[in-house]
């Protein structure tokens, strides 16, 4: 489970305005691998793979949140 909710700073502009977008909750699907990740709200860069968690971890975490 993801414990740290603090988003990382943007690798491009350094802004602390990142949001994680998950395009599918099905692990190993192509959309998950190619489009999901961190996007910067300020400079619109992304997707970035940041932090110690895989997109599969994020998908599993999203399913937990959806089922609460």
Protein backbone atom coordinates (compact mmCIF):
# COMPACT_ATOMS: atom_id res chain seq x y z
CA UNK A 1 0.00 0.00 0.00
CA UNK A 2 1.19 3.52 -0.79
CA UNK A 3 2.04 5.28 2.48
CA UNK A 4 3.47 8.62 1.29
CA UNK A 5 0.80 10.79 -0.34
CA UNK A 6 3.20 13.67 -1.06
CA UNK A 7 3.75 14.09 -4.80
CA UNK A 8 7.33 14.45 -6.02
CA UNK A 9 8.51 17.72 -7.62
CA UNK A 10 8.43 17.99 -11.42
CA UNK A 11 11.70 16.83 -13.01
CA UNK A 12 11.29 19.47 -15.77
CA UNK A 13 10.34 22.69 -13.96
CA UNK A 14 10.74 21.79 -10.27
CA UNK A 15 7.16 22.77 -9.40
CA UNK A 16 5.48 20.86 -6.62
CA UNK A 17 2.29 20.65 -8.67
CA UNK A 18 2.34 17.03 -9.77
CA UNK A 19 -0.71 14.80 -10.10
CA UNK A 20 -0.83 11.08 -10.75
CA UNK A 21 -3.12 9.92 -13.52
CA UNK A 22 -4.01 6.27 -13.82
CA UNK A 23 -5.61 5.40 -17.14
CA UNK A 24 -6.72 1.90 -16.21
CA UNK A 25 -6.87 -0.14 -13.04
CA UNK A 26 -6.04 -3.36 -14.91
CA UNK A 27 -2.36 -4.23 -14.31
CA UNK A 28 -0.19 -5.04 -17.36
CA UNK A 29 -2.58 -3.38 -19.81
CA UNK A 30 -0.82 -1.22 -22.45
CA UNK A 31 -2.63 2.01 -21.43
CA UNK A 32 -1.39 1.51 -17.87
CA UNK A 33 2.21 1.14 -18.99
CA UNK A 34 2.28 3.93 -21.60
CA UNK A 35 0.00 6.71 -20.32
CA UNK A 36 -0.22 6.36 -16.56
CA UNK A 37 2.19 8.29 -14.38
CA UNK A 38 2.95 11.68 -12.88
CA UNK A 39 1.98 14.79 -14.85
CA UNK A 40 2.93 18.37 -13.98
CA UNK A 41 -0.01 20.75 -13.65
CA UNK A 42 2.25 23.78 -14.27
CA UNK A 43 4.32 22.82 -17.35
CA UNK A 44 2.09 19.95 -18.59
CA UNK A 45 5.04 17.49 -18.84
CA UNK A 46 4.61 13.81 -18.29
CA UNK A 47 3.99 11.01 -17.82
CA UNK A 48 6.89 10.44 -15.45
CA UNK A 49 7.54 7.27 -13.50
CA UNK A 50 8.57 8.69 -10.12
CA UNK A 51 8.93 7.24 -6.66
CA UNK A 52 9.39 3.69 -5.48
CA UNK A 53 6.08 2.30 -6.74
CA UNK A 54 5.23 0.69 -10.05
CA UNK A 55 2.16 1.49 -12.09
CA UNK A 56 0.90 -1.97 -11.11
CA UNK A 57 1.16 -0.91 -7.43
CA UNK A 58 -0.81 2.25 -8.26
CA UNK A 59 -3.48 0.19 -10.06
CA UNK A 60 -3.87 -2.13 -7.07
CA UNK A 61 -4.08 0.88 -4.72
CA UNK A 62 -6.77 2.43 -6.94
CA UNK A 63 -8.83 -0.75 -6.72
CA UNK A 64 -8.57 -0.63 -2.92
CA UNK A 65 -9.82 2.99 -2.92
CA UNK A 66 -12.66 2.19 -5.36
CA UNK A 67 -13.86 -0.71 -3.22
CA UNK A 68 -14.05 1.30 0.04
